Amino acid sequence: MRRFEPQIQGWLLLLPAAVLLVAFTHYPAVATVWHSFFSTARGGRAAQFIGLDNYRDMMDDPVFWQALRNNAVFALGTIPVSIALALLMALWVNGRILGRGMLRLAFFTPTVLPMIAVANIWLFFYTPGYGLIDQLGSLFGLPEHNWLGNRDTVLGCLIVVTVWKEAGFFMIFYLAALQQISPVLGEAAAVEGAGRWYFFRRVTFPLLMPTTLFVLVNAVINSFRLVDHVVAMTKGGPDNASALLLYYIYDVGFRFWDTGYAAALTVVLLVILAVLALGQFLILERRVHYQ
């Protein structure tokens, strides 16, 4: 019995975290899959097993396909821009510049602001007529524009807000990774006559690949779980032009109270995120470690 004491002690130490993980991650995921095969209970009528009917309805749902397209455009607009901007900011504030601490604080401040507060700040920027953007545009004779009320610009406005908020968060990880790179490598490269761009491309960036993989996975997840900004700024409008997948799930589940269909939509979202995360690991895993 004594030889099993270390294993028992280890499992007991893991038990609280395991219970929380099962209760708030694994069980909700399994329960969501289960409920997606049932109809929504209404009034005195209990939920009934309907098989794949919710998924068949999804295939014929134009709003679902619109939200999925919007989310794809939103992800393509936010992920590369926020990661590239985060890397540029980290490289800038990692150098010996005047006011480096204040600059780091300025870049990171949007991250700590509540999402609803951020949405209200940018609502002021985008307000037609007296918003900051239109006020600046009027100085150059530009006409007023309803940024959030136009199908052609509303999704781009959400992309700008998201990049502004997320880039500072990702910058912290890149900054921490840059500070772990030994300065000896830079000194050796300088002795060999390597330029700054060559050193970044052949040494710095490859060493940042583990951080890039971590940031990329988080950026993908964040691009599919945005709902606060949509609720506060556009409510999916105009004409579902800014409806993202998670917002549509929220709308179906809590506005129309169709929990069965919302569960099916959630399963699709989980599958999309799982496939994207798996693809990232399979494609980038061999390029993560610099050899």
C-alpha atoms as a PDB file:
ATOM      1  CA  MET A   1       0.000   0.000   0.000  1.00  0.00           C
ATOM      2  CA  ARG A   2       2.837   2.358   0.818  1.00  0.00           C
ATOM      3  CA  ARG A   3       4.236   2.190  -2.699  1.00  0.00           C
ATOM      4  CA  PHE A   4       0.983   3.678  -4.005  1.00  0.00           C
ATOM      5  CA  GLU A   5       0.996   6.553  -1.513  1.00  0.00           C
ATOM      6  CA  PRO A   6       2.872   8.996  -3.815  1.00  0.00           C
ATOM      7  CA  GLN A   7       0.405   8.284  -6.655  1.00  0.00           C
ATOM      8  CA  ILE A   8      -2.591   8.664  -4.339  1.00  0.00           C
ATOM      9  CA  GLN A   9      -1.217  11.900  -2.926  1.00  0.00           C
ATOM     10  CA  GLY A  10      -0.633  13.224  -6.443  1.00  0.00           C
ATOM     11  CA  TRP A  11      -4.181  12.416  -7.561  1.00  0.00           C
ATOM     12  CA  LEU A  12      -5.610  13.994  -4.410  1.00  0.00           C
ATOM     13  CA  LEU A  13      -3.680  17.183  -5.167  1.00  0.00           C
ATOM     14  CA  LEU A  14      -5.102  17.171  -8.694  1.00  0.00           C
ATOM     15  CA  LEU A  15      -8.638  16.375  -7.547  1.00  0.00           C
ATOM     16  CA  PRO A  16      -9.889  19.978  -6.921  1.00  0.00           C
ATOM     17  CA  ALA A  17      -8.704  21.171 -10.332  1.00  0.00           C
ATOM     18  CA  ALA A  18     -10.046  18.022 -11.999  1.00  0.00           C
ATOM     19  CA  VAL A  19     -13.477  18.481 -10.391  1.00  0.00           C
ATOM     20  CA  LEU A  20     -13.658  22.099 -11.579  1.00  0.00           C
ATOM     21  CA  LEU A  21     -12.509  21.096 -15.072  1.00  0.00           C
ATOM     22  CA  VAL A  22     -15.122  18.364 -15.356  1.00  0.00           C
ATOM     23  CA  ALA A  23     -17.913  20.463 -13.820  1.00  0.00           C
ATOM     24  CA  PHE A  24     -17.365  23.607 -15.873  1.00  0.00           C
ATOM     25  CA  THR A  25     -15.783  22.323 -19.111  1.00  0.00           C
ATOM     26  CA  HIS A  26     -16.308  18.653 -19.936  1.00  0.00           C
ATOM     27  CA  TYR A  27     -19.810  18.178 -18.522  1.00  0.00           C
ATOM     28  CA  PRO A  28     -21.246  21.329 -20.198  1.00  0.00           C
ATOM     29  CA  ALA A  29     -19.714  20.267 -23.512  1.00  0.00           C
ATOM     30  CA  VAL A  30     -21.185  16.743 -23.318  1.00  0.00           C
ATOM     31  CA  ALA A  31     -24.529  18.116 -22.110  1.00  0.00           C
ATOM     32  CA  THR A  32     -24.625  20.565 -25.022  1.00  0.00           C
ATOM     33  CA  VAL A  33     -24.074  17.765 -27.529  1.00  0.00           C
ATOM     34  CA  TRP A  34     -26.828  15.731 -25.842  1.00  0.00           C
ATOM     35  CA  HIS A  35     -29.345  18.604 -25.807  1.00  0.00           C
ATOM     36  CA  SER A  36     -28.682  19.357 -29.474  1.00  0.00           C
ATOM     37  CA  PHE A  37     -30.609  16.164 -30.345  1.00  0.00           C
ATOM     38  CA  PHE A  38     -33.737  17.328 -28.494  1.00  0.00           C
ATOM     39  CA  SER A  39     -36.406  19.894 -29.202  1.00  0.00           C
ATOM     40  CA  THR A  40     -36.902  22.881 -26.934  1.00  0.00           C
ATOM     41  CA  ALA A  41     -39.259  22.369 -24.006  1.00  0.00           C
ATOM     42  CA  ARG A  42     -42.112  24.874 -24.273  1.00  0.00           C
ATOM     43  CA  GLY A  43     -44.854  25.408 -21.712  1.00  0.00           C
ATOM     44  CA  GLY A  44     -46.119  22.039 -20.514  1.00  0.00           C
ATOM     45  CA  ARG A  45     -44.519  20.146 -23.407  1.00  0.00           C
ATOM     46  CA  ALA A  46     -41.335  18.340 -22.487  1.00  0.00           C
ATOM     47  CA  ALA A  47     -38.316  18.212 -24.773  1.00  0.00           C
ATOM     48  CA  GLN A  48     -38.497  15.375 -27.293  1.00  0.00           C
ATOM     49  CA  PHE A  49     -35.744  13.497 -29.065  1.00  0.00           C
ATOM     50  CA  ILE A  50     -35.633  14.718 -32.672  1.00  0.00           C
ATOM     51  CA  GLY A  51     -32.265  13.375 -33.792  1.00  0.00           C
ATOM     52  CA  LEU A  52     -30.519  15.527 -36.371  1.00  0.00           C
ATOM     53  CA  ASP A  53     -33.471  17.830 -37.070  1.00  0.00           C
ATOM     54  CA  ASN A  54     -31.752  20.831 -35.455  1.00  0.00           C
ATOM     55  CA  TYR A  55     -28.744  20.314 -37.713  1.00  0.00           C
ATOM     56  CA  ARG A  56     -30.979  19.952 -40.788  1.00  0.00           C
ATOM     57  CA  ASP A  57     -32.702  23.211 -39.883  1.00  0.00           C
ATOM     58  CA  MET A  58     -29.279  24.798 -39.550  1.00  0.00           C
ATOM     59  CA  MET A  59     -28.366  23.877 -43.114  1.00  0.00           C
ATOM     60  CA  ASP A  60     -31.445  25.782 -44.336  1.00  0.00           C
ATOM     61  CA  ASP A  61     -30.945  28.762 -42.010  1.00  0.00           C
ATOM     62  CA  PRO A  62     -29.701  31.807 -44.000  1.00  0.00           C
ATOM     63  CA  VAL A  63     -28.900  33.749 -40.816  1.00  0.00           C
ATOM     64  CA  PHE A  64     -26.566  30.962 -39.657  1.00  0.00           C
ATOM     65  CA  TRP A  65     -24.647  31.051 -42.939  1.00  0.00           C
ATOM     66  CA  GLN A  66     -24.515  34.857 -42.800  1.00  0.00           C
ATOM     67  CA  ALA A  67     -23.125  34.740 -39.250  1.00  0.00           C
ATOM     68  CA  LEU A  68     -20.591  32.091 -40.283  1.00  0.00           C
ATOM     69  CA  ARG A  69     -19.395  34.217 -43.220  1.00  0.00           C
ATOM     70  CA  ASN A  70     -19.212  37.280 -40.999  1.00  0.00           C
ATOM     71  CA  ASN A  71     -17.160  35.353 -38.459  1.00  0.00           C
ATOM     72  CA  ALA A  72     -14.762  34.122 -41.136  1.00  0.00           C
ATOM     73  CA  VAL A  73     -14.202  37.689 -42.381  1.00  0.00           C
ATOM     74  CA  PHE A  74     -13.895  38.915 -38.796  1.00  0.00           C
ATOM     75  CA  ALA A  75     -11.293  36.258 -37.965  1.00  0.00           C
ATOM     76  CA  LEU A  76      -9.261  36.973 -41.105  1.00  0.00           C
ATOM     77  CA  GLY A  77      -9.349  40.675 -40.274  1.00  0.00           C
ATOM     78  CA  THR A  78      -8.414  40.468 -36.604  1.00  0.00           C
ATOM     79  CA  ILE A  79      -6.015  37.533 -36.203  1.00  0.00           C
ATOM     80  CA  PRO A  80      -3.086  38.500 -38.490  1.00  0.00           C
ATOM     81  CA  VAL A  81      -3.375  42.230 -37.796  1.00  0.00           C
ATOM     82  CA  SER A  82      -3.502  41.891 -33.996  1.00  0.00           C
ATOM     83  CA  ILE A  83      -0.593  39.426 -33.930  1.00  0.00           C
ATOM     84  CA  ALA A  84       1.569  41.524 -36.267  1.00  0.00           C
ATOM     85  CA  LEU A  85       0.788  44.701 -34.341  1.00  0.00           C
ATOM     86  CA  ALA A  86       1.519  42.972 -31.025  1.00  0.00           C
ATOM     87  CA  LEU A  87       4.911  41.818 -32.300  1.00  0.00           C
ATOM     88  CA  LEU A  88       5.786  45.296 -33.587  1.00  0.00           C
ATOM     89  CA  MET A  89       4.823  46.903 -30.278  1.00  0.00           C
ATOM     90  CA  ALA A  90       6.805  44.311 -28.313  1.00  0.00           C
ATOM     91  CA  LEU A  91       9.916  44.910 -30.443  1.00  0.00           C
ATOM     92  CA  TRP A  92       9.526  48.653 -29.951  1.00  0.00           C
ATOM     93  CA  VAL A  93       9.088  48.677 -26.171  1.00  0.00           C
ATOM     94  CA  ASN A  94      11.759  46.017 -25.708  1.00  0.00           C
ATOM     95  CA  GLY A  95      14.430  48.435 -26.883  1.00  0.00           C
ATOM     96  CA  ARG A  96      16.127  51.115 -24.835  1.00  0.00           C
ATOM     97  CA  ILE A  97      13.923  54.097 -25.571  1.00  0.00           C
ATOM     98  CA  LEU A  98      12.874  57.096 -23.543  1.00  0.00           C
ATOM     99  CA  GLY A  99       9.588  56.610 -21.692  1.00  0.00           C
ATOM    100  CA  ARG A 100       9.561  52.862 -22.266  1.00  0.00           C
ATOM    101  CA  GLY A 101       7.489  52.170 -19.144  1.00  0.00           C
ATOM    102  CA  MET A 102       4.805  54.684 -20.068  1.00  0.00           C
ATOM    103  CA  LEU A 103       4.683  53.338 -23.611  1.00  0.00           C
ATOM    104  CA  ARG A 104       4.178  49.794 -22.351  1.00  0.00           C
ATOM    105  CA  LEU A 105       1.390  51.030 -20.087  1.00  0.00           C
ATOM    106  CA  ALA A 106      -0.279  52.861 -22.971  1.00  0.00           C
ATOM    107  CA  PHE A 107      -0.191  49.774 -25.189  1.00  0.00           C
ATOM    108  CA  PHE A 108      -1.532  47.495 -22.440  1.00  0.00           C
ATOM    109  CA  THR A 109      -4.262  49.818 -21.113  1.00  0.00           C
ATOM    110  CA  PRO A 110      -6.978  48.782 -23.634  1.00  0.00           C
ATOM    111  CA  THR A 111      -6.590  45.179 -22.467  1.00  0.00           C
ATOM    112  CA  VAL A 112      -7.615  45.895 -18.866  1.00  0.00           C
ATOM    113  CA  LEU A 113     -10.645  47.993 -19.819  1.00  0.00           C
ATOM    114  CA  PRO A 114     -14.017  46.175 -19.527  1.00  0.00           C
ATOM    115  CA  MET A 115     -15.359  45.122 -22.912  1.00  0.00           C
ATOM    116  CA  ILE A 116     -18.615  47.036 -22.433  1.00  0.00           C
ATOM    117  CA  ALA A 117     -16.636  50.185 -21.540  1.00  0.00           C
ATOM    118  CA  VAL A 118     -14.546  49.741 -24.691  1.00  0.00           C
ATOM    119  CA  ALA A 119     -17.708  49.365 -26.768  1.00  0.00           C
ATOM    120  CA  ASN A 120     -19.135  52.597 -25.362  1.00  0.00           C
ATOM    121  CA  ILE A 121     -15.887  54.475 -25.992  1.00  0.00           C
ATOM    122  CA  TRP A 122     -15.900  53.417 -29.637  1.00  0.00           C
ATOM    123  CA  LEU A 123     -19.616  54.149 -29.935  1.00  0.00           C
ATOM    124  CA  PHE A 124     -18.662  57.768 -29.351  1.00  0.00           C
ATOM    125  CA  PHE A 125     -16.009  57.523 -32.076  1.00  0.00           C
ATOM    126  CA  TYR A 126     -18.449  56.030 -34.598  1.00  0.00           C
ATOM    127  CA  THR A 127     -21.527  58.156 -33.830  1.00  0.00           C
ATOM    128  CA  PRO A 128     -22.659  59.951 -37.028  1.00  0.00           C
ATOM    129  CA  GLY A 129     -22.321  63.699 -37.019  1.00  0.00           C
ATOM    130  CA  TYR A 130     -20.770  64.413 -33.635  1.00  0.00           C
ATOM    131  CA  GLY A 131     -18.564  61.318 -33.204  1.00  0.00           C
ATOM    132  CA  LEU A 132     -14.793  61.784 -33.123  1.00  0.00           C
ATOM    133  CA  ILE A 133     -14.220  60.225 -36.549  1.00  0.00           C
ATOM    134  CA  ASP A 134     -16.800  62.418 -38.267  1.00  0.00           C
ATOM    135  CA  GLN A 135     -15.554  65.479 -36.385  1.00  0.00           C
ATOM    136  CA  LEU A 136     -12.044  64.867 -37.692  1.00  0.00           C
ATOM    137  CA  GLY A 137     -13.394  64.132 -41.150  1.00  0.00           C
ATOM    138  CA  SER A 138     -15.304  67.403 -41.224  1.00  0.00           C
ATOM    139  CA  LEU A 139     -11.999  69.266 -40.892  1.00  0.00           C
ATOM    140  CA  PHE A 140     -11.073  67.879 -44.323  1.00  0.00           C
ATOM    141  CA  GLY A 141     -14.515  68.406 -45.823  1.00  0.00           C
ATOM    142  CA  LEU A 142     -15.565  64.750 -45.661  1.00  0.00           C
ATOM    143  CA  PRO A 143     -19.299  64.006 -45.374  1.00  0.00           C
ATOM    144  CA  GLU A 144     -20.907  62.361 -42.348  1.00  0.00           C
ATOM    145  CA  HIS A 145     -21.121  58.579 -42.369  1.00  0.00           C
ATOM    146  CA  ASN A 146     -23.139  56.111 -40.307  1.00  0.00           C
ATOM    147  CA  TRP A 147     -20.266  53.738 -39.589  1.00  0.00           C
ATOM    148  CA  LEU A 148     -22.249  51.201 -37.579  1.00  0.00           C
ATOM    149  CA  GLY A 149     -25.433  51.550 -39.624  1.00  0.00           C
ATOM    150  CA  ASN A 150     -23.888  50.705 -42.978  1.00  0.00           C
ATOM    151  CA  ARG A 151     -23.505  47.100 -44.122  1.00  0.00           C
ATOM    152  CA  ASP A 152     -20.225  47.887 -45.869  1.00  0.00           C
ATOM    153  CA  THR A 153     -18.462  49.365 -42.829  1.00  0.00           C
ATOM    154  CA  VAL A 154     -20.008  47.847 -39.688  1.00  0.00           C
ATOM    155  CA  LEU A 155     -17.907  44.669 -39.660  1.00  0.00           C
ATOM    156  CA  GLY A 156     -14.718  46.639 -40.318  1.00  0.00           C
ATOM    157  CA  CYS A 157     -15.561  48.873 -37.353  1.00  0.00           C
ATOM    158  CA  LEU A 158     -15.824  45.825 -35.078  1.00  0.00           C
ATOM    159  CA  ILE A 159     -12.503  44.541 -36.414  1.00  0.00           C
ATOM    160  CA  VAL A 160     -10.784  47.835 -35.537  1.00  0.00           C
ATOM    161  CA  VAL A 161     -12.172  47.769 -31.990  1.00  0.00           C
ATOM    162  CA  THR A 162     -11.074  44.166 -31.450  1.00  0.00           C
ATOM    163  CA  VAL A 163      -7.546  44.732 -32.781  1.00  0.00           C
ATOM    164  CA  TRP A 164      -7.202  47.833 -30.586  1.00  0.00           C
ATOM    165  CA  LYS A 165      -8.159  45.838 -27.496  1.00  0.00           C
ATOM    166  CA  GLU A 166      -6.320  42.567 -28.162  1.00  0.00           C
ATOM    167  CA  ALA A 167      -2.966  43.709 -29.566  1.00  0.00           C
ATOM    168  CA  GLY A 168      -1.748  44.976 -26.189  1.00  0.00           C
ATOM    169  CA  PHE A 169      -2.641  41.665 -24.544  1.00  0.00           C
ATOM    170  CA  PHE A 170      -0.666  39.651 -27.084  1.00  0.00           C
ATOM    171  CA  MET A 171       2.199  42.161 -26.823  1.00  0.00           C
ATOM    172  CA  ILE A 172       2.824  41.067 -23.220  1.00  0.00           C
ATOM    173  CA  PHE A 173       3.572  37.498 -24.292  1.00  0.00           C
ATOM    174  CA  TYR A 174       5.897  38.600 -27.077  1.00  0.00           C
ATOM    175  CA  LEU A 175       7.656  41.012 -24.737  1.00  0.00           C
ATOM    176  CA  ALA A 176       8.223  38.268 -22.183  1.00  0.00           C
ATOM    177  CA  ALA A 177       9.591  35.976 -24.905  1.00  0.00           C
ATOM    178  CA  LEU A 178      11.907  38.682 -26.260  1.00  0.00           C
ATOM    179  CA  GLN A 179      13.359  39.237 -22.803  1.00  0.00           C
ATOM    180  CA  GLN A 180      14.231  35.538 -22.604  1.00  0.00           C
ATOM    181  CA  ILE A 181      16.438  35.709 -25.709  1.00  0.00           C
ATOM    182  CA  SER A 182      20.076  35.951 -24.700  1.00  0.00           C
ATOM    183  CA  PRO A 183      21.794  39.209 -25.765  1.00  0.00           C
ATOM    184  CA  VAL A 184      24.839  37.093 -26.619  1.00  0.00           C
ATOM    185  CA  LEU A 185      23.081  36.033 -29.819  1.00  0.00           C
ATOM    186  CA  GLY A 186      22.753  39.643 -30.929  1.00  0.00           C
ATOM    187  CA  GLU A 187      26.359  40.379 -30.091  1.00  0.00           C
ATOM    188  CA  ALA A 188      27.562  37.335 -32.031  1.00  0.00           C
ATOM    189  CA  ALA A 189      25.428  38.318 -35.028  1.00  0.00           C
ATOM    190  CA  ALA A 190      26.812  41.868 -34.924  1.00  0.00           C
ATOM    191  CA  VAL A 191      30.359  40.516 -34.929  1.00  0.00           C
ATOM    192  CA  GLU A 192      29.511  38.435 -38.010  1.00  0.00           C
ATOM    193  CA  GLY A 193      28.117  41.520 -39.719  1.00  0.00           C
ATOM    194  CA  ALA A 194      24.454  40.451 -39.731  1.00  0.00           C
ATOM    195  CA  GLY A 195      21.949  43.271 -40.142  1.00  0.00           C
ATOM    196  CA  ARG A 196      18.999  43.866 -37.827  1.00  0.00           C
ATOM    197  CA  TRP A 197      16.435  42.556 -40.315  1.00  0.00           C
ATOM    198  CA  TYR A 198      18.510  39.443 -41.049  1.00  0.00           C
ATOM    199  CA  PHE A 199      18.932  38.798 -37.316  1.00  0.00           C
ATOM    200  CA  PHE A 200      15.197  39.189 -36.721  1.00  0.00           C
ATOM    201  CA  ARG A 201      14.267  36.922 -39.631  1.00  0.00           C
ATOM    202  CA  ARG A 202      16.781  34.155 -38.936  1.00  0.00           C
ATOM    203  CA  VAL A 203      17.122  34.255 -35.133  1.00  0.00           C
ATOM    204  CA  THR A 204      14.542  36.334 -33.281  1.00  0.00           C
ATOM    205  CA  PHE A 205      11.381  35.277 -35.093  1.00  0.00           C
ATOM    206  CA  PRO A 206      12.178  31.525 -35.083  1.00  0.00           C
ATOM    207  CA  LEU A 207      12.830  31.738 -31.335  1.00  0.00           C
ATOM    208  CA  LEU A 208       9.432  33.403 -30.936  1.00  0.00           C
ATOM    209  CA  MET A 209       7.555  30.601 -32.688  1.00  0.00           C
ATOM    210  CA  PRO A 210       6.347  28.871 -29.463  1.00  0.00           C
ATOM    211  CA  THR A 211       4.906  32.198 -28.344  1.00  0.00           C
ATOM    212  CA  THR A 212       3.427  32.781 -31.791  1.00  0.00           C
ATOM    213  CA  LEU A 213       1.655  29.413 -31.658  1.00  0.00           C
ATOM    214  CA  PHE A 214       0.226  30.214 -28.229  1.00  0.00           C
ATOM    215  CA  VAL A 215      -0.892  33.679 -29.329  1.00  0.00           C
ATOM    216  CA  LEU A 216      -2.363  32.313 -32.559  1.00  0.00           C
ATOM    217  CA  VAL A 217      -4.498  29.737 -30.755  1.00  0.00           C
ATOM    218  CA  ASN A 218      -5.789  32.419 -28.381  1.00  0.00           C
ATOM    219  CA  ALA A 219      -6.457  34.833 -31.237  1.00  0.00           C
ATOM    220  CA  VAL A 220      -8.494  32.233 -33.112  1.00  0.00           C
ATOM    221  CA  ILE A 221     -10.553  31.426 -30.026  1.00  0.00           C
ATOM    222  CA  ASN A 222     -11.101  35.120 -29.295  1.00  0.00           C
ATOM    223  CA  SER A 223     -12.281  35.765 -32.848  1.00  0.00           C
ATOM    224  CA  PHE A 224     -15.082  33.232 -32.407  1.00  0.00           C
ATOM    225  CA  ARG A 225     -16.170  34.160 -28.899  1.00  0.00           C
ATOM    226  CA  LEU A 226     -16.793  37.873 -29.285  1.00  0.00           C
ATOM    227  CA  VAL A 227     -20.288  38.834 -28.183  1.00  0.00           C
ATOM    228  CA  ASP A 228     -20.001  41.826 -25.814  1.00  0.00           C
ATOM    229  CA  HIS A 229     -19.064  44.370 -28.454  1.00  0.00           C
ATOM    230  CA  VAL A 230     -21.783  43.157 -30.805  1.00  0.00           C
ATOM    231  CA  VAL A 231     -24.465  43.402 -28.098  1.00  0.00           C
ATOM    232  CA  ALA A 232     -23.381  46.894 -27.027  1.00  0.00           C
ATOM    233  CA  MET A 233     -22.613  48.386 -30.449  1.00  0.00           C
ATOM    234  CA  THR A 234     -24.693  46.802 -33.224  1.00  0.00           C
ATOM    235  CA  LYS A 235     -26.909  43.972 -31.923  1.00  0.00           C
ATOM    236  CA  GLY A 236     -26.030  42.103 -35.104  1.00  0.00           C
ATOM    237  CA  GLY A 237     -27.323  44.811 -37.437  1.00  0.00           C
ATOM    238  CA  PRO A 238     -27.865  46.205 -39.850  1.00  0.00           C
ATOM    239  CA  ASP A 239     -29.656  43.240 -41.442  1.00  0.00           C
ATOM    240  CA  ASN A 240     -27.343  40.710 -39.689  1.00  0.00           C
ATOM    241  CA  ALA A 241     -24.282  42.300 -41.310  1.00  0.00           C
ATOM    242  CA  SER A 242     -22.397  42.209 -37.983  1.00  0.00           C
ATOM    243  CA  ALA A 243     -23.948  39.066 -36.494  1.00  0.00           C
ATOM    244  CA  LEU A 244     -21.138  36.729 -35.434  1.00  0.00           C
ATOM    245  CA  LEU A 245     -21.661  33.064 -34.633  1.00  0.00           C
ATOM    246  CA  LEU A 246     -21.555  33.363 -30.853  1.00  0.00           C
ATOM    247  CA  TYR A 247     -23.894  36.354 -30.926  1.00  0.00           C
ATOM    248  CA  TYR A 248     -26.336  34.353 -33.055  1.00  0.00           C
ATOM    249  CA  ILE A 249     -26.161  31.540 -30.494  1.00  0.00           C
ATOM    250  CA  TYR A 250     -26.875  34.066 -27.745  1.00  0.00           C
ATOM    251  CA  ASP A 251     -29.752  35.515 -29.778  1.00  0.00           C
ATOM    252  CA  VAL A 252     -31.332  32.108 -30.446  1.00  0.00           C
ATOM    253  CA  GLY A 253     -30.851  30.812 -26.917  1.00  0.00           C
ATOM    254  CA  PHE A 254     -31.778  33.840 -24.807  1.00  0.00           C
ATOM    255  CA  ARG A 255     -33.915  36.025 -27.065  1.00  0.00           C
ATOM    256  CA  PHE A 256     -35.951  33.421 -28.929  1.00  0.00           C
ATOM    257  CA  TRP A 257     -35.433  30.789 -26.188  1.00  0.00           C
ATOM    258  CA  ASP A 258     -34.828  27.963 -28.648  1.00  0.00           C
ATOM    259  CA  THR A 259     -32.346  26.087 -26.480  1.00  0.00           C
ATOM    260  CA  GLY A 260     -32.252  22.954 -28.624  1.00  0.00           C
ATOM    261  CA  TYR A 261     -31.258  24.842 -31.756  1.00  0.00           C
ATOM    262  CA  ALA A 262     -28.822  26.989 -29.759  1.00  0.00           C
ATOM    263  CA  ALA A 263     -27.176  23.788 -28.461  1.00  0.00           C
ATOM    264  CA  ALA A 264     -26.747  22.548 -32.044  1.00  0.00           C
ATOM    265  CA  LEU A 265     -25.191  25.870 -33.036  1.00  0.00           C
ATOM    266  CA  THR A 266     -22.843  25.634 -30.052  1.00  0.00           C
ATOM    267  CA  VAL A 267     -21.741  22.145 -31.100  1.00  0.00           C
ATOM    268  CA  VAL A 268     -20.875  23.494 -34.556  1.00  0.00           C
ATOM    269  CA  LEU A 269     -18.877  26.308 -32.960  1.00  0.00           C
ATOM    270  CA  LEU A 270     -16.977  23.826 -30.755  1.00  0.00           C
ATOM    271  CA  VAL A 271     -16.207  21.629 -33.763  1.00  0.00           C
ATOM    272  CA  ILE A 272     -14.915  24.630 -35.746  1.00  0.00           C
ATOM    273  CA  LEU A 273     -12.639  25.694 -32.884  1.00  0.00           C
ATOM    274  CA  ALA A 274     -11.390  22.128 -32.346  1.00  0.00           C
ATOM    275  CA  VAL A 275     -10.567  21.692 -36.042  1.00  0.00           C
ATOM    276  CA  LEU A 276      -8.799  25.056 -36.231  1.00  0.00           C
ATOM    277  CA  ALA A 277      -6.787  24.391 -33.056  1.00  0.00           C
ATOM    278  CA  LEU A 278      -5.827  20.895 -34.215  1.00  0.00           C
ATOM    279  CA  GLY A 279      -4.808  22.227 -37.611  1.00  0.00           C
ATOM    280  CA  GLN A 280      -2.634  24.898 -36.028  1.00  0.00           C
ATOM    281  CA  PHE A 281      -0.810  22.361 -33.883  1.00  0.00           C
ATOM    282  CA  LEU A 282      -0.330  19.890 -36.748  1.00  0.00           C
ATOM    283  CA  ILE A 283       0.906  22.528 -39.199  1.00  0.00           C
ATOM    284  CA  LEU A 284       3.018  24.667 -36.867  1.00  0.00           C
ATOM    285  CA  GLU A 285       4.309  22.030 -34.439  1.00  0.00           C
ATOM    286  CA  ARG A 286       7.345  21.200 -36.594  1.00  0.00           C
ATOM    287  CA  ARG A 287       8.194  24.872 -36.970  1.00  0.00           C
ATOM    288  CA  VAL A 288       7.821  25.840 -33.342  1.00  0.00           C
ATOM    289  CA  HIS A 289      11.235  24.829 -32.061  1.00  0.00           C
ATOM    290  CA  TYR A 290      14.281  26.493 -33.581  1.00  0.00           C
ATOM    291  CA  GLN A 291      16.931  23.984 -34.517  1.00  0.00           C
END
